[in-house]
Amino acid sequence: MEKIKLKQPLFLCGMMGSGKSTVGRELASVLEVDFHDLDSMIIEEAGMPIPKIFEQKGEQWFRDLEQKLLIRESQKISGVMALGGGSLQNQRIVDHLKIYGWMIFLNVPESVLLDRLSGDKNRPKLKQGKENREELRKTISTLFEQRLQLYSQAQITVDTNSDSPGEIAETILKKIKIYDGFNRR
């Protein structure tokens, strides 16, 4: 792949388990830019893992911190940032991200998400669905329906299906080249 220079940051959005962090690291590596993970920033800022934040401080406290960090960091980062599955809480955040960079929606079929998230103990929003697969499927489906309106406003959507992280990164780069063009290094 030819060496290119990213003009603005890439913000990867999509459901939990869609591969935002994995694909983000791959993209950052290919582009030779920094990779940022919003969930890791939250953990560092709060001084505790996300399930513990939900348990001790509640979801609203988590969402407030997530929004504060996302607004602040998106204005100054370069490179690639993986957002949390629920980071796009409202229209204001979506509009903000689209001003500062490219928002990219990793669209993964619900059946793939179900397979990836089965047995995952670190997803507080899936707590009620962990007991049986049908409950987990319903929870994933409900969350996806609630969030799709915001995800679908991304400038770029990539239907990932069962592609490898490298293939997804390559597809993203091809789409960005079409829309924005890159400076060659």
N, C-alpha and C. Protein backbone atom coordinates (compact mmCIF):
# COMPACT_ATOMS: atom_id res chain seq x y z
N MET A 1 0.85 -1.18 0.00
CA MET A 1 0.00 0.00 0.00
C MET A 1 0.89 1.24 0.00
N GLU A 2 0.54 2.23 -0.81
CA GLU A 2 1.35 3.44 -0.88
C GLU A 2 1.30 4.23 0.41
N LYS A 3 2.38 4.94 0.70
CA LYS A 3 2.44 5.77 1.90
C LYS A 3 1.61 7.02 1.67
N ILE A 4 0.73 7.31 2.63
CA ILE A 4 -0.14 8.48 2.52
C ILE A 4 -0.13 9.24 3.84
N LYS A 5 -0.47 10.49 3.78
CA LYS A 5 -0.52 11.34 4.97
C LYS A 5 -1.97 11.69 5.26
N LEU A 6 -2.40 11.36 6.45
CA LEU A 6 -3.76 11.62 6.88
C LEU A 6 -3.96 13.11 7.13
N LYS A 7 -5.00 13.69 6.54
CA LYS A 7 -5.26 15.12 6.69
C LYS A 7 -5.99 15.47 7.99
N GLN A 8 -6.82 14.55 8.47
CA GLN A 8 -7.56 14.79 9.71
C GLN A 8 -7.80 13.45 10.40
N PRO A 9 -8.15 13.49 11.68
CA PRO A 9 -8.30 12.23 12.41
C PRO A 9 -9.47 11.38 11.89
N LEU A 10 -9.37 10.08 12.18
CA LEU A 10 -10.42 9.14 11.86
C LEU A 10 -11.05 8.68 13.17
N PHE A 11 -12.37 8.78 13.26
CA PHE A 11 -13.11 8.36 14.45
C PHE A 11 -13.93 7.12 14.08
N LEU A 12 -13.58 5.97 14.64
CA LEU A 12 -14.27 4.73 14.34
C LEU A 12 -15.42 4.53 15.32
N CYS A 13 -16.63 4.39 14.78
CA CYS A 13 -17.79 4.16 15.61
C CYS A 13 -18.48 2.87 15.20
N GLY A 14 -19.32 2.37 16.06
CA GLY A 14 -20.06 1.14 15.80
C GLY A 14 -20.34 0.44 17.11
N MET A 15 -21.06 -0.65 17.01
CA MET A 15 -21.45 -1.40 18.20
C MET A 15 -20.24 -1.99 18.92
N MET A 16 -20.43 -2.27 20.21
CA MET A 16 -19.40 -3.01 20.94
C MET A 16 -19.18 -4.33 20.21
N GLY A 17 -17.94 -4.72 20.09
CA GLY A 17 -17.63 -5.97 19.40
C GLY A 17 -17.50 -5.82 17.89
N SER A 18 -17.61 -4.60 17.37
CA SER A 18 -17.52 -4.41 15.92
C SER A 18 -16.08 -4.37 15.41
N GLY A 19 -15.12 -4.30 16.32
CA GLY A 19 -13.71 -4.32 15.92
C GLY A 19 -13.08 -2.95 15.82
N LYS A 20 -13.67 -1.95 16.45
CA LYS A 20 -13.14 -0.59 16.35
C LYS A 20 -11.69 -0.49 16.83
N SER A 21 -11.39 -1.08 17.96
CA SER A 21 -10.02 -1.00 18.49
C SER A 21 -9.05 -1.80 17.64
N THR A 22 -9.44 -2.99 17.24
CA THR A 22 -8.56 -3.83 16.42
C THR A 22 -8.29 -3.20 15.07
N VAL A 23 -9.35 -2.75 14.40
CA VAL A 23 -9.21 -2.10 13.09
C VAL A 23 -8.48 -0.77 13.25
N GLY A 24 -8.77 -0.05 14.33
CA GLY A 24 -8.10 1.22 14.58
C GLY A 24 -6.60 1.08 14.71
N ARG A 25 -6.16 0.05 15.44
CA ARG A 25 -4.72 -0.20 15.57
C ARG A 25 -4.11 -0.53 14.21
N GLU A 26 -4.82 -1.33 13.43
CA GLU A 26 -4.34 -1.70 12.09
C GLU A 26 -4.22 -0.46 11.21
N LEU A 27 -5.25 0.37 11.20
CA LEU A 27 -5.22 1.61 10.41
C LEU A 27 -4.06 2.51 10.83
N ALA A 28 -3.92 2.69 12.13
CA ALA A 28 -2.85 3.55 12.65
C ALA A 28 -1.48 3.02 12.24
N SER A 29 -1.33 1.72 12.27
CA SER A 29 -0.07 1.10 11.88
C SER A 29 0.22 1.34 10.40
N VAL A 30 -0.76 1.11 9.55
CA VAL A 30 -0.59 1.31 8.11
C VAL A 30 -0.28 2.77 7.79
N LEU A 31 -0.98 3.68 8.47
CA LEU A 31 -0.80 5.11 8.21
C LEU A 31 0.40 5.70 8.96
N GLU A 32 0.97 4.91 9.87
CA GLU A 32 2.08 5.38 10.71
C GLU A 32 1.69 6.63 11.50
N VAL A 33 0.52 6.52 12.17
CA VAL A 33 0.00 7.60 13.01
C VAL A 33 -0.34 7.02 14.38
N ASP A 34 -0.67 7.89 15.32
CA ASP A 34 -1.03 7.46 16.67
C ASP A 34 -2.41 6.80 16.67
N PHE A 35 -2.58 5.85 17.60
CA PHE A 35 -3.87 5.23 17.84
C PHE A 35 -4.35 5.63 19.23
N HIS A 36 -5.61 6.00 19.33
CA HIS A 36 -6.22 6.41 20.60
C HIS A 36 -7.47 5.56 20.81
N ASP A 37 -7.67 5.10 22.03
CA ASP A 37 -8.85 4.30 22.37
C ASP A 37 -9.61 5.03 23.47
N LEU A 38 -10.83 5.47 23.17
CA LEU A 38 -11.59 6.26 24.14
C LEU A 38 -11.85 5.49 25.42
N ASP A 39 -12.16 4.20 25.32
CA ASP A 39 -12.39 3.41 26.53
C ASP A 39 -11.14 3.39 27.42
N SER A 40 -9.96 3.28 26.83
CA SER A 40 -8.72 3.30 27.61
C SER A 40 -8.51 4.65 28.29
N MET A 41 -8.89 5.72 27.59
CA MET A 41 -8.78 7.06 28.18
C MET A 41 -9.71 7.19 29.39
N ILE A 42 -10.90 6.63 29.27
CA ILE A 42 -11.87 6.68 30.38
C ILE A 42 -11.34 5.90 31.58
N ILE A 43 -10.81 4.72 31.33
CA ILE A 43 -10.25 3.89 32.41
C ILE A 43 -9.12 4.63 33.11
N GLU A 44 -8.26 5.25 32.33
CA GLU A 44 -7.13 6.00 32.92
C GLU A 44 -7.63 7.19 33.74
N GLU A 45 -8.58 7.93 33.18
CA GLU A 45 -9.11 9.12 33.87
C GLU A 45 -9.84 8.74 35.16
N ALA A 46 -10.63 7.66 35.11
CA ALA A 46 -11.43 7.25 36.27
C ALA A 46 -10.62 6.44 37.28
N GLY A 47 -9.53 5.83 36.82
CA GLY A 47 -8.71 5.02 37.70
C GLY A 47 -9.34 3.68 38.05
N MET A 48 -10.25 3.22 37.18
CA MET A 48 -10.87 1.91 37.42
C MET A 48 -11.44 1.38 36.11
N PRO A 49 -11.63 0.05 36.01
CA PRO A 49 -12.19 -0.52 34.79
C PRO A 49 -13.65 -0.12 34.58
N ILE A 50 -14.09 -0.18 33.33
CA ILE A 50 -15.44 0.27 32.99
C ILE A 50 -16.54 -0.47 33.77
N PRO A 51 -16.50 -1.80 33.91
CA PRO A 51 -17.57 -2.44 34.70
C PRO A 51 -17.65 -1.89 36.13
N LYS A 52 -16.49 -1.58 36.71
CA LYS A 52 -16.47 -1.03 38.06
C LYS A 52 -17.04 0.39 38.09
N ILE A 53 -16.77 1.17 37.03
CA ILE A 53 -17.35 2.51 36.94
C ILE A 53 -18.87 2.41 36.95
N PHE A 54 -19.41 1.54 36.11
CA PHE A 54 -20.87 1.36 36.05
C PHE A 54 -21.41 0.94 37.42
N GLU A 55 -20.71 0.03 38.07
CA GLU A 55 -21.16 -0.51 39.36
C GLU A 55 -21.10 0.54 40.47
N GLN A 56 -19.99 1.29 40.54
CA GLN A 56 -19.79 2.21 41.67
C GLN A 56 -20.32 3.61 41.42
N LYS A 57 -20.26 4.07 40.18
CA LYS A 57 -20.63 5.46 39.90
C LYS A 57 -21.87 5.58 39.04
N GLY A 58 -22.22 4.51 38.33
CA GLY A 58 -23.42 4.52 37.50
C GLY A 58 -23.13 4.88 36.06
N GLU A 59 -24.09 4.51 35.21
CA GLU A 59 -23.92 4.76 33.77
C GLU A 59 -23.87 6.24 33.45
N GLN A 60 -24.69 7.07 34.10
CA GLN A 60 -24.70 8.50 33.76
C GLN A 60 -23.35 9.15 34.03
N TRP A 61 -22.70 8.79 35.13
CA TRP A 61 -21.38 9.33 35.44
C TRP A 61 -20.39 8.92 34.35
N PHE A 62 -20.47 7.63 33.96
CA PHE A 62 -19.62 7.13 32.88
C PHE A 62 -19.86 7.92 31.59
N ARG A 63 -21.12 8.11 31.20
CA ARG A 63 -21.45 8.81 29.95
C ARG A 63 -20.98 10.27 30.00
N ASP A 64 -21.12 10.91 31.15
CA ASP A 64 -20.67 12.30 31.29
C ASP A 64 -19.15 12.39 31.08
N LEU A 65 -18.42 11.47 31.71
CA LEU A 65 -16.95 11.45 31.54
C LEU A 65 -16.59 11.13 30.10
N GLU A 66 -17.26 10.16 29.51
CA GLU A 66 -17.02 9.78 28.13
C GLU A 66 -17.21 10.97 27.18
N GLN A 67 -18.30 11.70 27.37
CA GLN A 67 -18.58 12.87 26.52
C GLN A 67 -17.53 13.96 26.71
N LYS A 68 -17.18 14.23 27.97
CA LYS A 68 -16.17 15.26 28.26
C LYS A 68 -14.84 14.93 27.58
N LEU A 69 -14.39 13.68 27.74
CA LEU A 69 -13.13 13.28 27.13
C LEU A 69 -13.20 13.29 25.61
N LEU A 70 -14.29 12.81 25.06
CA LEU A 70 -14.43 12.77 23.61
C LEU A 70 -14.41 14.16 23.00
N ILE A 71 -15.15 15.08 23.57
CA ILE A 71 -15.18 16.47 23.05
C ILE A 71 -13.79 17.09 23.15
N ARG A 72 -13.15 16.93 24.30
CA ARG A 72 -11.83 17.54 24.51
C ARG A 72 -10.77 16.91 23.60
N GLU A 73 -10.67 15.59 23.60
CA GLU A 73 -9.60 14.92 22.88
C GLU A 73 -9.78 14.99 21.36
N SER A 74 -11.01 14.98 20.88
CA SER A 74 -11.23 15.00 19.43
C SER A 74 -10.76 16.30 18.80
N GLN A 75 -10.66 17.35 19.58
CA GLN A 75 -10.22 18.64 19.06
C GLN A 75 -8.71 18.73 18.90
N LYS A 76 -7.99 17.83 19.55
CA LYS A 76 -6.53 17.98 19.52
C LYS A 76 -5.77 16.75 19.03
N ILE A 77 -6.44 15.62 18.86
CA ILE A 77 -5.71 14.43 18.45
C ILE A 77 -5.42 14.43 16.95
N SER A 78 -4.46 13.62 16.61
CA SER A 78 -4.24 13.28 15.21
C SER A 78 -4.21 11.77 15.18
N GLY A 79 -4.41 11.21 14.02
CA GLY A 79 -4.38 9.75 13.92
C GLY A 79 -5.76 9.14 13.92
N VAL A 80 -5.87 8.02 14.64
CA VAL A 80 -7.09 7.21 14.64
C VAL A 80 -7.59 7.06 16.07
N MET A 81 -8.90 7.24 16.27
CA MET A 81 -9.50 7.05 17.58
C MET A 81 -10.66 6.06 17.49
N ALA A 82 -10.61 5.03 18.33
CA ALA A 82 -11.72 4.09 18.46
C ALA A 82 -12.65 4.61 19.55
N LEU A 83 -13.92 4.80 19.19
CA LEU A 83 -14.91 5.26 20.16
C LEU A 83 -15.53 4.06 20.86
N GLY A 84 -16.19 4.31 21.98
CA GLY A 84 -16.96 3.25 22.63
C GLY A 84 -18.26 3.04 21.87
N GLY A 85 -18.89 1.90 22.07
CA GLY A 85 -20.13 1.58 21.36
C GLY A 85 -21.25 2.59 21.60
N GLY A 86 -21.30 3.17 22.79
CA GLY A 86 -22.35 4.13 23.12
C GLY A 86 -21.87 5.57 23.16
N SER A 87 -20.70 5.85 22.60
CA SER A 87 -20.13 7.20 22.66
C SER A 87 -20.96 8.25 21.94
N LEU A 88 -21.63 7.85 20.87
CA LEU A 88 -22.45 8.80 20.11
C LEU A 88 -23.79 8.92 20.83
N GLN A 89 -23.81 9.74 21.87
CA GLN A 89 -24.98 9.84 22.73
C GLN A 89 -26.05 10.78 22.19
N ASN A 90 -25.64 11.72 21.37
CA ASN A 90 -26.60 12.71 20.88
C ASN A 90 -26.08 13.36 19.60
N GLN A 91 -26.93 14.15 18.97
CA GLN A 91 -26.59 14.78 17.71
C GLN A 91 -25.42 15.74 17.84
N ARG A 92 -25.31 16.39 18.98
CA ARG A 92 -24.22 17.35 19.18
C ARG A 92 -22.85 16.67 19.06
N ILE A 93 -22.71 15.49 19.62
CA ILE A 93 -21.44 14.77 19.55
C ILE A 93 -21.13 14.36 18.11
N VAL A 94 -22.13 13.86 17.42
CA VAL A 94 -21.94 13.47 16.01
C VAL A 94 -21.49 14.67 15.19
N ASP A 95 -22.18 15.78 15.33
CA ASP A 95 -21.83 16.99 14.58
C ASP A 95 -20.41 17.45 14.92
N HIS A 96 -20.06 17.39 16.19
CA HIS A 96 -18.73 17.80 16.64
C HIS A 96 -17.64 16.94 15.97
N LEU A 97 -17.82 15.63 16.01
CA LEU A 97 -16.81 14.73 15.43
C LEU A 97 -16.66 14.96 13.93
N LYS A 98 -17.75 15.22 13.25
CA LYS A 98 -17.69 15.42 11.80
C LYS A 98 -17.01 16.74 11.44
N ILE A 99 -16.96 17.67 12.35
CA ILE A 99 -16.23 18.92 12.12
C ILE A 99 -14.73 18.66 12.21
N TYR A 100 -14.32 17.83 13.17
CA TYR A 100 -12.90 17.63 13.45
C TYR A 100 -12.25 16.48 12.71
N GLY A 101 -13.03 15.62 12.07
CA GLY A 101 -12.42 14.50 11.38
C GLY A 101 -13.43 13.67 10.62
N TRP A 102 -12.99 12.51 10.19
CA TRP A 102 -13.84 11.57 9.47
C TRP A 102 -14.44 10.59 10.46
N MET A 103 -15.76 10.49 10.46
CA MET A 103 -16.44 9.50 11.27
C MET A 103 -16.68 8.28 10.39
N ILE A 104 -16.26 7.12 10.87
CA ILE A 104 -16.35 5.88 10.09
C ILE A 104 -17.13 4.85 10.89
N PHE A 105 -18.22 4.38 10.32
CA PHE A 105 -19.09 3.40 10.98
C PHE A 105 -18.72 2.00 10.53
N LEU A 106 -18.30 1.17 11.48
CA LEU A 106 -18.04 -0.24 11.19
C LEU A 106 -19.34 -1.00 11.44
N ASN A 107 -20.00 -1.35 10.37
CA ASN A 107 -21.30 -2.01 10.43
C ASN A 107 -21.12 -3.52 10.39
N VAL A 108 -21.44 -4.17 11.49
CA VAL A 108 -21.25 -5.61 11.63
C VAL A 108 -22.63 -6.25 11.80
N PRO A 109 -22.90 -7.35 11.12
CA PRO A 109 -24.18 -8.03 11.30
C PRO A 109 -24.39 -8.43 12.76
N GLU A 110 -25.65 -8.35 13.21
CA GLU A 110 -25.96 -8.69 14.59
C GLU A 110 -25.55 -10.11 14.94
N SER A 111 -25.64 -11.03 13.99
CA SER A 111 -25.26 -12.43 14.26
C SER A 111 -23.77 -12.53 14.59
N VAL A 112 -22.95 -11.74 13.92
CA VAL A 112 -21.51 -11.72 14.20
C VAL A 112 -21.25 -11.11 15.58
N LEU A 113 -21.97 -10.02 15.88
CA LEU A 113 -21.82 -9.40 17.21
C LEU A 113 -22.20 -10.38 18.31
N LEU A 114 -23.27 -11.13 18.09
CA LEU A 114 -23.72 -12.11 19.07
C LEU A 114 -22.63 -13.14 19.34
N ASP A 115 -22.01 -13.64 18.28
CA ASP A 115 -20.92 -14.62 18.44
C ASP A 115 -19.73 -14.00 19.18
N ARG A 116 -19.38 -12.77 18.81
CA ARG A 116 -18.21 -12.13 19.43
C ARG A 116 -18.44 -11.78 20.89
N LEU A 117 -19.67 -11.42 21.24
CA LEU A 117 -19.94 -10.92 22.59
C LEU A 117 -20.42 -11.98 23.57
N SER A 118 -20.74 -13.16 23.07
CA SER A 118 -21.16 -14.25 23.96
C SER A 118 -20.02 -14.57 24.93
N GLY A 119 -20.33 -14.56 26.19
CA GLY A 119 -19.33 -14.90 27.19
C GLY A 119 -18.43 -13.75 27.60
N ASP A 120 -18.58 -12.57 26.98
CA ASP A 120 -17.75 -11.41 27.35
C ASP A 120 -18.25 -10.87 28.69
N LYS A 121 -17.40 -10.84 29.68
CA LYS A 121 -17.79 -10.43 31.03
C LYS A 121 -17.53 -8.94 31.30
N ASN A 122 -16.97 -8.23 30.33
CA ASN A 122 -16.58 -6.83 30.56
C ASN A 122 -17.48 -5.82 29.88
N ARG A 123 -18.71 -6.19 29.56
CA ARG A 123 -19.64 -5.29 28.89
C ARG A 123 -20.84 -5.02 29.79
N PRO A 124 -20.79 -3.92 30.57
CA PRO A 124 -21.88 -3.65 31.51
C PRO A 124 -23.26 -3.56 30.85
N LYS A 125 -23.33 -3.05 29.64
CA LYS A 125 -24.63 -2.92 28.97
C LYS A 125 -25.22 -4.27 28.58
N LEU A 126 -24.43 -5.33 28.62
CA LEU A 126 -24.93 -6.66 28.26
C LEU A 126 -25.20 -7.53 29.48
N LYS A 127 -25.11 -6.94 30.64
CA LYS A 127 -25.27 -7.71 31.88
C LYS A 127 -26.55 -8.54 31.89
N GLN A 128 -27.66 -7.92 31.49
CA GLN A 128 -28.94 -8.62 31.55
C GLN A 128 -29.05 -9.71 30.49
N GLY A 129 -28.23 -9.70 29.46
CA GLY A 129 -28.36 -10.70 28.41
C GLY A 129 -27.36 -11.83 28.49
N LYS A 130 -26.51 -11.83 29.49
CA LYS A 130 -25.43 -12.82 29.54
C LYS A 130 -25.91 -14.22 29.90
N GLU A 131 -27.10 -14.31 30.51
CA GLU A 131 -27.56 -15.60 31.00
C GLU A 131 -27.89 -16.57 29.87
N ASN A 132 -28.57 -16.07 28.84
CA ASN A 132 -28.86 -16.97 27.71
C ASN A 132 -28.73 -16.23 26.39
N ARG A 133 -28.47 -16.99 25.37
CA ARG A 133 -28.15 -16.43 24.05
C ARG A 133 -29.31 -15.60 23.46
N GLU A 134 -30.54 -16.02 23.67
CA GLU A 134 -31.68 -15.29 23.12
C GLU A 134 -31.82 -13.92 23.79
N GLU A 135 -31.61 -13.86 25.09
CA GLU A 135 -31.65 -12.58 25.80
C GLU A 135 -30.53 -11.66 25.32
N LEU A 136 -29.35 -12.23 25.12
CA LEU A 136 -28.21 -11.46 24.61
C LEU A 136 -28.52 -10.92 23.22
N ARG A 137 -29.12 -11.76 22.36
CA ARG A 137 -29.49 -11.32 21.01
C ARG A 137 -30.47 -10.15 21.07
N LYS A 138 -31.46 -10.24 21.95
CA LYS A 138 -32.44 -9.16 22.09
C LYS A 138 -31.78 -7.87 22.58
N THR A 139 -30.88 -8.00 23.54
CA THR A 139 -30.18 -6.82 24.07
C THR A 139 -29.34 -6.15 22.98
N ILE A 140 -28.59 -6.95 22.24
CA ILE A 140 -27.77 -6.41 21.15
C ILE A 140 -28.65 -5.74 20.11
N SER A 141 -29.73 -6.39 19.74
CA SER A 141 -30.65 -5.85 18.74
C SER A 141 -31.25 -4.52 19.19
N THR A 142 -31.66 -4.45 20.45
CA THR A 142 -32.25 -3.21 20.99
C THR A 142 -31.22 -2.08 20.99
N LEU A 143 -30.02 -2.37 21.48
CA LEU A 143 -28.97 -1.34 21.51
C LEU A 143 -28.64 -0.86 20.09
N PHE A 144 -28.55 -1.80 19.16
CA PHE A 144 -28.22 -1.45 17.77
C PHE A 144 -29.31 -0.54 17.19
N GLU A 145 -30.57 -0.88 17.41
CA GLU A 145 -31.67 -0.05 16.91
C GLU A 145 -31.62 1.36 17.50
N GLN A 146 -31.31 1.46 18.79
CA GLN A 146 -31.24 2.76 19.45
C GLN A 146 -30.09 3.62 18.91
N ARG A 147 -29.01 2.99 18.54
CA ARG A 147 -27.81 3.73 18.15
C ARG A 147 -27.64 3.93 16.65
N LEU A 148 -28.34 3.16 15.85
CA LEU A 148 -28.15 3.18 14.41
C LEU A 148 -28.35 4.57 13.80
N GLN A 149 -29.32 5.32 14.28
CA GLN A 149 -29.58 6.66 13.73
C GLN A 149 -28.34 7.55 13.83
N LEU A 150 -27.59 7.42 14.91
CA LEU A 150 -26.37 8.22 15.07
C LEU A 150 -25.20 7.63 14.30
N TYR A 151 -25.03 6.30 14.37
CA TYR A 151 -23.95 5.65 13.61
C TYR A 151 -24.06 5.95 12.11
N SER A 152 -25.27 5.90 11.61
CA SER A 152 -25.48 6.00 10.16
C SER A 152 -25.19 7.40 9.60
N GLN A 153 -24.91 8.35 10.47
CA GLN A 153 -24.55 9.69 10.01
C GLN A 153 -23.06 9.82 9.70
N ALA A 154 -22.32 8.77 9.92
CA ALA A 154 -20.89 8.78 9.61
C ALA A 154 -20.69 9.08 8.13
N GLN A 155 -19.62 9.77 7.81
CA GLN A 155 -19.33 10.06 6.41
C GLN A 155 -19.04 8.79 5.63
N ILE A 156 -18.50 7.79 6.32
CA ILE A 156 -18.13 6.54 5.66
C ILE A 156 -18.68 5.37 6.46
N THR A 157 -19.31 4.44 5.76
CA THR A 157 -19.78 3.20 6.39
C THR A 157 -19.06 2.04 5.71
N VAL A 158 -18.58 1.12 6.53
CA VAL A 158 -17.93 -0.08 6.00
C VAL A 158 -18.67 -1.28 6.56
N ASP A 159 -19.27 -2.06 5.68
CA ASP A 159 -19.92 -3.31 6.07
C ASP A 159 -18.82 -4.34 6.20
N THR A 160 -18.55 -4.76 7.45
CA THR A 160 -17.36 -5.56 7.69
C THR A 160 -17.55 -7.06 7.50
N ASN A 161 -18.75 -7.56 7.72
CA ASN A 161 -19.02 -8.99 7.60
C ASN A 161 -17.92 -9.79 8.30
N SER A 162 -17.21 -10.65 7.58
CA SER A 162 -16.16 -11.45 8.22
C SER A 162 -14.77 -11.08 7.70
N ASP A 163 -14.63 -9.85 7.21
CA ASP A 163 -13.33 -9.40 6.71
C ASP A 163 -12.31 -9.32 7.85
N SER A 164 -11.05 -9.46 7.51
CA SER A 164 -9.98 -9.34 8.50
C SER A 164 -9.77 -7.85 8.81
N PRO A 165 -9.15 -7.54 9.95
CA PRO A 165 -8.86 -6.13 10.26
C PRO A 165 -8.06 -5.44 9.15
N GLY A 166 -7.12 -6.15 8.54
CA GLY A 166 -6.33 -5.57 7.44
C GLY A 166 -7.20 -5.23 6.24
N GLU A 167 -8.12 -6.12 5.90
CA GLU A 167 -9.03 -5.88 4.77
C GLU A 167 -9.96 -4.70 5.05
N ILE A 168 -10.43 -4.61 6.28
CA ILE A 168 -11.31 -3.49 6.66
C ILE A 168 -10.54 -2.18 6.60
N ALA A 169 -9.31 -2.17 7.11
CA ALA A 169 -8.47 -0.97 7.06
C ALA A 169 -8.24 -0.54 5.61
N GLU A 170 -7.98 -1.49 4.75
CA GLU A 170 -7.75 -1.18 3.34
C GLU A 170 -9.02 -0.59 2.69
N THR A 171 -10.16 -1.13 3.02
CA THR A 171 -11.43 -0.60 2.50
C THR A 171 -11.65 0.82 2.98
N ILE A 172 -11.37 1.09 4.25
CA ILE A 172 -11.52 2.45 4.79
C ILE A 172 -10.61 3.41 4.05
N LEU A 173 -9.36 3.02 3.84
CA LEU A 173 -8.41 3.90 3.15
C LEU A 173 -8.86 4.19 1.71
N LYS A 174 -9.36 3.18 1.03
CA LYS A 174 -9.85 3.39 -0.34
C LYS A 174 -11.00 4.38 -0.35
N LYS A 175 -11.92 4.25 0.61
CA LYS A 175 -13.07 5.15 0.65
C LYS A 175 -12.65 6.58 0.98
N ILE A 176 -11.72 6.73 1.91
CA ILE A 176 -11.27 8.07 2.26
C ILE A 176 -10.55 8.72 1.07
N LYS A 177 -9.77 7.94 0.35
CA LYS A 177 -9.08 8.48 -0.82
C LYS A 177 -10.09 9.02 -1.85
N ILE A 178 -11.19 8.34 -2.00
CA ILE A 178 -12.23 8.78 -2.95
C ILE A 178 -12.82 10.11 -2.51
N TYR A 179 -13.12 10.22 -1.21
CA TYR A 179 -13.82 11.40 -0.70
C TYR A 179 -12.90 12.59 -0.47
N ASP A 180 -11.71 12.32 0.07
CA ASP A 180 -10.87 13.41 0.55
C ASP A 180 -9.54 13.49 -0.17
N GLY A 181 -9.05 12.39 -0.63
CA GLY A 181 -7.71 12.37 -1.18
C GLY A 181 -6.69 12.48 -0.07
N PHE A 182 -5.53 12.02 -0.33
CA PHE A 182 -4.45 12.06 0.66
C PHE A 182 -3.26 12.76 0.04
N ASN A 183 -2.43 13.26 0.92
CA ASN A 183 -1.13 13.77 0.48
C ASN A 183 -0.18 12.58 0.51
N ARG A 184 0.58 12.40 -0.54
CA ARG A 184 1.59 11.33 -0.55
C ARG A 184 2.76 11.79 0.31
N ARG A 185 3.36 10.82 0.94
CA ARG A 185 4.53 11.14 1.78
C ARG A 185 5.75 11.23 0.93
